[in-house]
Amino acid sequence: MTLTFVEQFLRTYGLVFTSPFFYAGLLVIGWQYVRQNQLERQLFGLKITNWKKQLWVTFVSGAAVGLCASLAVKELGIALTQSEIIWLWAGSLLLTLWRVRFVCLSYSAGLLSVLSLTVRLLPVGPLSPSVLHLLWTQLQLIDVRLLLELVAVLHLAEAVLVILQGHVDPSPVFVEGKRGRVVGGFLVQKYWLLPIALNFPLPTILAYSGVCLSSTPGAKAKRSSALIACYALILLAFCLLANRFQWCLWIAAIWSPLVHDWMIRWETRRESSASPRYTKQRQGLRILAVLPGSLAERMGLRSEEVIVRVNKRPVSTPFDLHFAINQHPAYVRLEVLGTSGEIRFEQKPLFEGTHHALGLVLVPDENSREYIQIESVPVWKSLLGSLWLRLRGRASSISHSA
């Protein structure tokens, strides 16, 4: 690797940070994290995660992994034209209007590859509008192998990011489970903005999301990372084999969107069909989450542990917890059942104004009414619904003022 190559590579990589699309991507990711805070406030009355910290981690980790992915792209000789990138991103934007998960390039790249391979098999006839003839020609010229190799490299980068950060800062949520019972869980939403240096700068968004109902966020991240890595390696293998066997391109083109969607559906079905992990038990109060910087965190409490007694009083409901603390407002002494079955005692002094602020989110009980619904709504329908509500609100305010 010569010095000239390194300088040229770093110059191209640095140009990504001057692109307005890079900072537009940061704004979109920041907006998603703010929405996550709004959901936390809706459920628990306070924000649990820090969107500024998450956005900073997105920037730093994305830049580091993007540098490694750019080196892999250069090593594989992936060099796409601007028209190919336009086709790729236009397809992603159109698909995203149907489902948010379709923003992943595996869908647009796969469908675009199948379309390009199909067009090559069709006889070229006279196309009357010149625009159609131009589009037809551009589809034929798309380098399907390089396009799918880029998808494979990006998913290898995603597998690394998921195993490192996929379990960090999940949001506790209440979800309607089987038989209408409200159960606890964790909403995992991670976004990364990768600056990729092709023959021109290319900012790329990677996303990882899901709800943990029967698994811990750590276990889900490990499982998802392994699945994504296997998916990417097999896709890359088909692309490399296509140098000798052209039919491998068809397999790679079909593999890219279909297997990716199967992984998401399999993971969702696995979480929803298994027995819920975060449910209330008969005796004690099970902890769903511990707020960062809270008294409970300083006491060493962790998720899935059970508070058996508070100030020597047995507790089974949040009312029991508050009552026991108010009986001894100067300190709190907890008897805690650990995840491995051991009993330990934690004690801390209480200060004025913190009697009800241990910083705990408990698993829902039979009295819990607030929960979120896990469903996939088309983006276009969500946007139209939001617009309709705004118009109704504005019309209502005008009629009241009149």
Protein backbone atom coordinates (compact mmCIF):
# COMPACT_ATOMS: atom_id res chain seq x y z
CA MET A 1 0.00 0.00 0.00
CA THR A 2 1.79 3.12 -1.20
CA LEU A 3 1.72 6.50 0.45
CA THR A 4 -0.12 7.96 -2.54
CA PHE A 5 -2.89 5.37 -2.17
CA VAL A 6 -3.21 6.08 1.56
CA GLU A 7 -3.41 9.82 1.00
CA GLN A 8 -6.02 9.42 -1.74
CA PHE A 9 -8.05 7.00 0.39
CA LEU A 10 -8.01 9.24 3.46
CA ARG A 11 -8.93 12.25 1.33
CA THR A 12 -11.94 10.44 -0.11
CA TYR A 13 -12.90 9.17 3.34
CA GLY A 14 -12.65 12.66 4.81
CA LEU A 15 -14.91 14.08 2.09
CA VAL A 16 -17.80 12.05 3.54
CA PHE A 17 -17.82 14.36 6.58
CA THR A 18 -18.27 17.39 4.31
CA SER A 19 -21.33 15.92 2.62
CA PRO A 20 -24.68 17.46 3.58
CA PHE A 21 -26.20 13.95 3.34
CA PHE A 22 -23.96 12.84 6.23
CA TYR A 23 -25.36 15.50 8.56
CA ALA A 24 -28.88 14.92 7.26
CA GLY A 25 -28.40 11.31 8.32
CA LEU A 26 -27.28 12.43 11.78
CA LEU A 27 -30.42 14.56 12.09
CA VAL A 28 -32.63 11.59 11.15
CA ILE A 29 -30.88 9.35 13.70
CA GLY A 30 -31.08 12.05 16.39
CA TRP A 31 -34.79 12.40 15.72
CA GLN A 32 -35.27 8.65 16.21
CA TYR A 33 -33.51 8.77 19.59
CA VAL A 34 -35.64 11.77 20.65
CA ARG A 35 -38.74 9.78 19.74
CA GLN A 36 -37.41 6.98 21.95
CA ASN A 37 -37.22 9.46 24.86
CA GLN A 38 -40.80 10.56 24.15
CA LEU A 39 -41.98 6.95 24.37
CA GLU A 40 -40.19 6.56 27.72
CA ARG A 41 -41.89 9.69 29.04
CA GLN A 42 -45.24 8.40 27.85
CA LEU A 43 -44.82 5.09 29.70
CA PHE A 44 -42.92 6.10 32.85
CA GLY A 45 -43.08 9.89 33.08
CA LEU A 46 -39.34 10.42 32.62
CA LYS A 47 -36.63 9.82 30.06
CA ILE A 48 -34.37 6.85 30.72
CA THR A 49 -31.88 6.95 27.86
CA ASN A 50 -29.73 9.92 26.86
CA TRP A 51 -30.26 10.79 23.19
CA LYS A 52 -27.21 13.08 23.06
CA LYS A 53 -24.94 10.32 24.33
CA GLN A 54 -26.45 7.84 21.88
CA LEU A 55 -25.95 10.26 18.98
CA TRP A 56 -22.31 10.80 19.96
CA VAL A 57 -21.71 7.04 20.15
CA THR A 58 -23.37 6.74 16.74
CA PHE A 59 -20.94 9.27 15.28
CA VAL A 60 -17.74 7.86 16.82
CA SER A 61 -18.45 4.14 16.33
CA GLY A 62 -19.81 4.72 12.82
CA ALA A 63 -16.67 6.63 11.83
CA ALA A 64 -14.36 3.90 13.17
CA VAL A 65 -16.23 0.95 11.65
CA GLY A 66 -16.82 2.92 8.45
CA LEU A 67 -13.07 3.32 8.05
CA CYS A 68 -12.57 -0.47 8.31
CA ALA A 69 -15.48 -1.12 5.93
CA SER A 70 -14.01 1.36 3.43
CA LEU A 71 -10.71 -0.54 3.50
CA ALA A 72 -12.60 -3.79 2.80
CA VAL A 73 -14.45 -2.10 -0.07
CA LYS A 74 -11.13 -0.96 -1.58
CA GLU A 75 -9.62 -4.43 -1.14
CA LEU A 76 -12.55 -6.07 -2.97
CA GLY A 77 -12.36 -3.50 -5.74
CA ILE A 78 -15.92 -2.25 -5.26
CA ALA A 79 -16.39 0.90 -7.33
CA LEU A 80 -19.96 1.86 -8.16
CA THR A 81 -21.02 4.60 -10.51
CA GLN A 82 -23.15 7.53 -9.40
CA SER A 83 -26.09 6.27 -11.46
CA GLU A 84 -25.91 2.92 -9.62
CA ILE A 85 -25.95 4.70 -6.25
CA ILE A 86 -28.91 6.81 -7.37
CA TRP A 87 -30.81 3.66 -8.36
CA LEU A 88 -29.89 2.08 -5.00
CA TRP A 89 -31.00 4.99 -2.83
CA ALA A 90 -34.10 5.77 -4.89
CA GLY A 91 -35.19 2.15 -4.42
CA SER A 92 -34.55 2.35 -0.68
CA LEU A 93 -36.59 5.55 -0.31
CA LEU A 94 -39.53 4.10 -2.22
CA LEU A 95 -39.47 0.86 -0.22
CA THR A 96 -39.17 2.77 3.07
CA LEU A 97 -42.53 4.39 2.37
CA TRP A 98 -44.03 0.92 2.80
CA ARG A 99 -42.01 -0.40 5.77
CA VAL A 100 -39.27 1.28 7.79
CA ARG A 101 -37.14 -1.86 7.82
CA PHE A 102 -36.91 -1.66 4.01
CA VAL A 103 -34.45 1.23 4.41
CA CYS A 104 -31.80 -1.50 4.60
CA LEU A 105 -29.88 -1.67 1.32
CA SER A 106 -30.30 -5.45 1.16
CA TYR A 107 -33.86 -4.96 -0.13
CA SER A 108 -33.25 -2.30 -2.76
CA ALA A 109 -29.97 -3.91 -3.90
CA GLY A 110 -31.60 -7.34 -4.18
CA LEU A 111 -34.66 -6.13 -6.09
CA LEU A 112 -32.52 -3.91 -8.31
CA SER A 113 -30.22 -6.85 -9.05
CA VAL A 114 -33.11 -9.14 -9.99
CA LEU A 115 -34.53 -6.39 -12.22
CA SER A 116 -31.15 -5.83 -13.90
CA LEU A 117 -30.57 -9.54 -14.51
CA THR A 118 -34.09 -9.90 -15.91
CA VAL A 119 -33.69 -6.95 -18.28
CA ARG A 120 -30.52 -8.51 -19.69
CA LEU A 121 -32.51 -11.58 -20.73
CA LEU A 122 -35.21 -9.61 -22.54
CA PRO A 123 -34.82 -8.61 -26.18
CA VAL A 124 -34.00 -4.93 -26.66
CA GLY A 125 -36.79 -3.38 -28.70
CA PRO A 126 -37.36 0.18 -29.84
CA LEU A 127 -38.52 2.24 -26.87
CA SER A 128 -40.31 5.34 -28.04
CA PRO A 129 -39.66 7.73 -25.14
CA SER A 130 -35.96 8.45 -24.85
CA VAL A 131 -36.25 8.44 -21.04
CA LEU A 132 -37.42 4.82 -21.02
CA HIS A 133 -34.60 3.85 -23.34
CA LEU A 134 -32.10 5.54 -20.99
CA LEU A 135 -33.52 3.77 -17.92
CA TRP A 136 -33.50 0.43 -19.74
CA THR A 137 -29.84 0.92 -20.71
CA GLN A 138 -28.83 1.96 -17.19
CA LEU A 139 -30.49 -1.13 -15.72
CA GLN A 140 -28.56 -3.37 -18.08
CA LEU A 141 -25.25 -1.72 -17.14
CA ILE A 142 -25.64 -2.13 -13.37
CA ASP A 143 -22.79 -4.20 -11.94
CA VAL A 144 -24.87 -6.60 -9.86
CA ARG A 145 -21.90 -8.40 -8.32
CA LEU A 146 -20.28 -5.23 -6.95
CA LEU A 147 -23.63 -3.95 -5.70
CA LEU A 148 -24.28 -7.09 -3.68
CA GLU A 149 -20.68 -7.23 -2.45
CA LEU A 150 -21.22 -3.76 -0.97
CA VAL A 151 -24.33 -5.05 0.83
CA ALA A 152 -22.31 -7.98 2.23
CA VAL A 153 -19.52 -5.70 3.53
CA LEU A 154 -22.03 -3.34 5.17
CA HIS A 155 -23.74 -6.24 6.95
CA LEU A 156 -20.42 -7.56 8.23
CA ALA A 157 -19.87 -4.10 9.69
CA GLU A 158 -23.38 -4.23 11.18
CA ALA A 159 -22.65 -7.61 12.79
CA VAL A 160 -19.61 -6.08 14.53
CA LEU A 161 -21.59 -3.06 15.74
CA VAL A 162 -24.49 -5.19 17.00
CA ILE A 163 -22.26 -7.46 19.11
CA LEU A 164 -20.45 -4.42 20.56
CA GLN A 165 -23.37 -2.03 21.12
CA GLY A 166 -26.64 -3.80 20.37
CA HIS A 167 -27.32 -4.43 24.08
CA VAL A 168 -26.34 -0.98 25.37
CA ASP A 169 -28.99 1.44 26.71
CA PRO A 170 -32.21 -0.45 25.84
CA SER A 171 -35.52 1.18 26.74
CA PRO A 172 -37.81 -0.72 29.16
CA VAL A 173 -41.31 -1.10 27.77
CA PHE A 174 -44.64 -2.67 28.64
CA VAL A 175 -46.14 -4.81 25.88
CA GLU A 176 -49.41 -6.67 25.52
CA GLY A 177 -48.44 -10.32 25.54
CA LYS A 178 -50.37 -13.55 25.20
CA ARG A 179 -54.00 -13.65 26.42
CA GLY A 180 -54.04 -9.87 26.76
CA ARG A 181 -51.66 -9.84 29.72
CA VAL A 182 -49.22 -6.90 29.95
CA VAL A 183 -45.59 -8.05 30.20
CA GLY A 184 -42.28 -6.26 30.47
CA GLY A 185 -39.54 -6.12 27.90
CA PHE A 186 -36.85 -3.98 26.31
CA LEU A 187 -37.02 -1.97 23.13
CA VAL A 188 -33.66 -2.00 21.35
CA GLN A 189 -33.09 0.73 18.76
CA LYS A 190 -29.61 1.34 17.40
CA TYR A 191 -28.56 3.40 14.42
CA TRP A 192 -25.12 3.95 12.96
CA LEU A 193 -23.98 6.33 10.23
CA LEU A 194 -21.07 4.83 8.32
CA PRO A 195 -18.92 7.03 6.07
CA ILE A 196 -17.97 4.71 3.19
CA ALA A 197 -15.20 5.77 0.80
CA LEU A 198 -15.97 4.34 -2.63
CA ASN A 199 -14.61 6.10 -5.68
CA PHE A 200 -16.69 8.94 -4.15
CA PRO A 201 -17.95 9.54 -0.57
CA LEU A 202 -21.06 7.59 0.47
CA PRO A 203 -22.73 8.03 3.90
CA THR A 204 -24.73 4.92 4.83
CA ILE A 205 -27.19 4.32 7.69
CA LEU A 206 -27.27 0.94 9.46
CA ALA A 207 -30.14 0.08 11.81
CA TYR A 208 -30.76 -2.63 14.40
CA SER A 209 -34.03 -2.80 16.31
CA GLY A 210 -36.31 -5.24 18.06
CA VAL A 211 -38.18 -6.02 21.26
CA CYS A 212 -36.78 -8.40 23.89
CA LEU A 213 -39.61 -10.24 25.62
CA SER A 214 -38.14 -13.69 26.25
CA SER A 215 -34.41 -12.88 25.91
CA THR A 216 -32.07 -10.38 27.50
CA PRO A 217 -30.80 -7.58 25.22
CA GLY A 218 -27.31 -9.11 25.45
CA ALA A 219 -28.46 -12.57 24.36
CA LYS A 220 -30.50 -11.13 21.51
CA ALA A 221 -27.54 -9.03 20.33
CA LYS A 222 -25.24 -12.08 20.25
CA ARG A 223 -27.80 -14.14 18.37
CA SER A 224 -28.60 -11.38 15.89
CA SER A 225 -24.92 -10.61 15.29
CA ALA A 226 -24.18 -14.25 14.45
CA LEU A 227 -27.15 -14.41 12.07
CA ILE A 228 -26.16 -11.18 10.30
CA ALA A 229 -22.54 -12.31 9.96
CA CYS A 230 -23.56 -15.68 8.45
CA TYR A 231 -25.97 -13.92 6.08
CA ALA A 232 -23.24 -11.51 4.92
CA LEU A 233 -20.54 -14.17 4.49
CA ILE A 234 -22.81 -16.43 2.42
CA LEU A 235 -23.89 -13.47 0.28
CA LEU A 236 -20.25 -12.50 -0.26
CA ALA A 237 -19.38 -16.11 -1.17
CA PHE A 238 -22.07 -16.21 -3.87
CA CYS A 239 -20.79 -12.91 -5.26
CA LEU A 240 -17.21 -14.21 -5.47
CA LEU A 241 -18.35 -17.48 -7.04
CA ALA A 242 -20.18 -15.44 -9.67
CA ASN A 243 -16.81 -14.67 -11.24
CA ARG A 244 -16.85 -18.28 -12.50
CA PHE A 245 -20.53 -19.23 -12.36
CA GLN A 246 -22.94 -16.55 -13.55
CA TRP A 247 -25.95 -18.35 -12.08
CA CYS A 248 -24.60 -17.52 -8.60
CA LEU A 249 -25.60 -13.90 -9.26
CA TRP A 250 -29.25 -14.95 -9.36
CA ILE A 251 -28.91 -16.77 -6.05
CA ALA A 252 -27.16 -13.77 -4.47
CA ALA A 253 -29.80 -11.36 -5.80
CA ILE A 254 -32.63 -13.46 -4.36
CA TRP A 255 -30.72 -14.19 -1.14
CA SER A 256 -30.15 -10.51 -0.35
CA PRO A 257 -33.76 -9.41 0.37
CA LEU A 258 -35.52 -12.70 1.13
CA VAL A 259 -33.12 -14.13 3.71
CA HIS A 260 -32.71 -10.73 5.36
CA ASP A 261 -36.48 -10.45 5.80
CA TRP A 262 -36.65 -14.05 7.04
CA MET A 263 -34.09 -13.24 9.78
CA ILE A 264 -36.21 -10.35 11.05
CA ARG A 265 -39.43 -12.36 11.01
CA TRP A 266 -37.78 -15.36 12.68
CA GLU A 267 -36.35 -13.20 15.47
CA THR A 268 -39.71 -11.47 16.03
CA ARG A 269 -41.60 -14.78 16.08
CA ARG A 270 -39.06 -16.27 18.48
CA GLU A 271 -39.47 -13.44 20.98
CA SER A 272 -43.26 -13.38 20.84
CA SER A 273 -43.88 -17.16 20.92
CA ALA A 274 -41.54 -18.04 23.81
CA SER A 275 -42.52 -17.61 27.47
CA PRO A 276 -42.13 -13.98 28.56
CA ARG A 277 -39.09 -13.37 30.74
CA TYR A 278 -40.06 -10.15 32.55
CA THR A 279 -43.26 -11.01 34.42
CA LYS A 280 -44.43 -10.51 37.98
CA GLN A 281 -44.06 -13.31 40.47
CA ARG A 282 -46.23 -14.01 43.49
CA GLN A 283 -43.87 -12.73 46.16
CA GLY A 284 -41.63 -9.69 45.89
CA LEU A 285 -41.10 -7.02 43.26
CA ARG A 286 -39.12 -7.98 40.16
CA ILE A 287 -36.93 -5.27 38.66
CA LEU A 288 -37.25 -4.58 34.95
CA ALA A 289 -34.71 -1.74 34.68
CA VAL A 290 -32.53 0.47 36.84
CA LEU A 291 -32.25 4.15 35.92
CA PRO A 292 -28.70 5.42 35.24
CA GLY A 293 -27.30 7.55 38.09
CA SER A 294 -30.13 6.61 40.45
CA LEU A 295 -30.02 5.47 44.07
CA ALA A 296 -30.89 1.94 42.94
CA GLU A 297 -27.85 1.89 40.65
CA ARG A 298 -25.60 3.03 43.50
CA MET A 299 -27.03 0.19 45.59
CA GLY A 300 -25.99 -2.29 42.92
CA LEU A 301 -29.48 -3.41 41.91
CA ARG A 302 -29.81 -5.08 38.51
CA SER A 303 -32.51 -6.12 36.08
CA GLU A 304 -34.41 -9.36 36.92
CA GLU A 305 -33.51 -9.22 40.62
CA VAL A 306 -36.39 -9.39 43.10
CA ILE A 307 -36.91 -7.07 46.06
CA VAL A 308 -38.30 -9.32 48.80
CA ARG A 309 -38.38 -6.97 51.79
CA VAL A 310 -38.02 -3.23 52.32
CA ASN A 311 -37.06 -2.07 55.81
CA LYS A 312 -37.91 -5.60 57.06
CA ARG A 313 -41.43 -5.44 55.57
CA PRO A 314 -42.44 -7.94 52.83
CA VAL A 315 -43.46 -6.22 49.60
CA SER A 316 -45.57 -7.47 46.69
CA THR A 317 -46.92 -4.26 45.14
CA PRO A 318 -45.55 -0.76 44.43
CA PHE A 319 -47.82 0.51 47.23
CA ASP A 320 -46.07 -1.84 49.68
CA LEU A 321 -42.72 -0.45 48.53
CA HIS A 322 -43.70 3.20 49.05
CA PHE A 323 -45.38 2.46 52.37
CA ALA A 324 -42.31 0.65 53.73
CA ILE A 325 -39.99 3.49 52.67
CA ASN A 326 -42.22 6.14 54.29
CA GLN A 327 -42.09 4.28 57.58
CA HIS A 328 -38.34 4.94 57.75
CA PRO A 329 -37.69 8.09 55.69
CA ALA A 330 -34.03 8.41 56.76
CA TYR A 331 -32.75 5.25 55.11
CA VAL A 332 -33.82 2.28 53.00
CA ARG A 333 -32.76 -1.31 53.60
CA LEU A 334 -33.55 -3.87 50.92
CA GLU A 335 -33.54 -7.64 50.98
CA VAL A 336 -32.81 -8.66 47.40
CA LEU A 337 -33.04 -12.05 45.69
CA GLY A 338 -30.30 -12.17 43.04
CA THR A 339 -30.61 -13.76 39.61
CA SER A 340 -28.59 -16.78 40.75
CA GLY A 341 -30.80 -17.36 43.80
CA GLU A 342 -28.65 -15.74 46.52
CA ILE A 343 -30.07 -13.38 49.15
CA ARG A 344 -28.22 -10.15 49.89
CA PHE A 345 -28.93 -6.90 51.74
CA GLU A 346 -28.43 -3.37 50.43
CA GLN A 347 -28.75 -0.21 52.50
CA LYS A 348 -28.43 3.49 51.66
CA PRO A 349 -29.45 6.74 53.40
CA LEU A 350 -32.33 8.68 51.87
CA PHE A 351 -32.34 12.40 51.35
CA GLU A 352 -35.20 14.85 51.24
CA GLY A 353 -37.24 14.50 48.07
CA THR A 354 -35.96 11.04 47.18
CA HIS A 355 -38.38 8.88 49.15
CA HIS A 356 -40.15 7.74 46.00
CA ALA A 357 -37.18 8.06 43.66
CA LEU A 358 -35.19 4.85 44.02
CA GLY A 359 -34.83 4.85 40.24
CA LEU A 360 -36.51 1.52 39.52
CA VAL A 361 -38.78 0.35 36.74
CA LEU A 362 -40.67 -2.70 37.99
CA VAL A 363 -42.20 -5.39 35.80
CA PRO A 364 -45.90 -4.72 35.13
CA ASP A 365 -48.58 -6.21 37.33
CA GLU A 366 -52.28 -6.85 36.82
CA ASN A 367 -53.02 -3.14 37.38
CA SER A 368 -50.76 -1.91 34.58
CA ARG A 369 -52.71 -0.23 31.79
CA GLU A 370 -50.11 1.64 29.76
CA TYR A 371 -48.34 -0.41 27.10
CA ILE A 372 -47.14 -0.16 23.52
CA GLN A 373 -48.36 -2.20 20.58
CA ILE A 374 -45.75 -3.96 18.46
CA GLU A 375 -47.07 -3.62 14.95
CA SER A 376 -45.69 -2.60 11.59
CA VAL A 377 -47.54 0.35 10.09
CA PRO A 378 -46.69 1.57 6.58
CA VAL A 379 -44.76 4.84 6.73
CA TRP A 380 -47.03 6.54 4.21
CA LYS A 381 -50.06 5.68 6.35
CA SER A 382 -48.33 6.99 9.49
CA LEU A 383 -47.41 10.25 7.74
CA LEU A 384 -50.94 10.74 6.41
CA GLY A 385 -52.34 9.99 9.87
CA SER A 386 -50.05 12.56 11.52
CA LEU A 387 -50.98 15.15 8.87
CA TRP A 388 -54.67 14.46 9.39
CA LEU A 389 -54.36 14.89 13.17
CA ARG A 390 -52.50 18.18 12.70
CA LEU A 391 -55.16 19.48 10.31
CA ARG A 392 -57.92 18.44 12.69
CA GLY A 393 -56.16 20.13 15.60
CA ARG A 394 -55.68 23.32 13.62
CA ALA A 395 -59.29 23.33 12.47
CA SER A 396 -60.43 22.72 16.05
CA SER A 397 -58.34 25.64 17.38
CA ILE A 398 -59.75 27.95 14.69
CA SER A 399 -63.34 27.00 15.53
CA HIS A 400 -62.72 27.54 19.29
CA SER A 401 -61.14 30.95 18.69
CA ALA A 402 -64.08 31.92 16.47
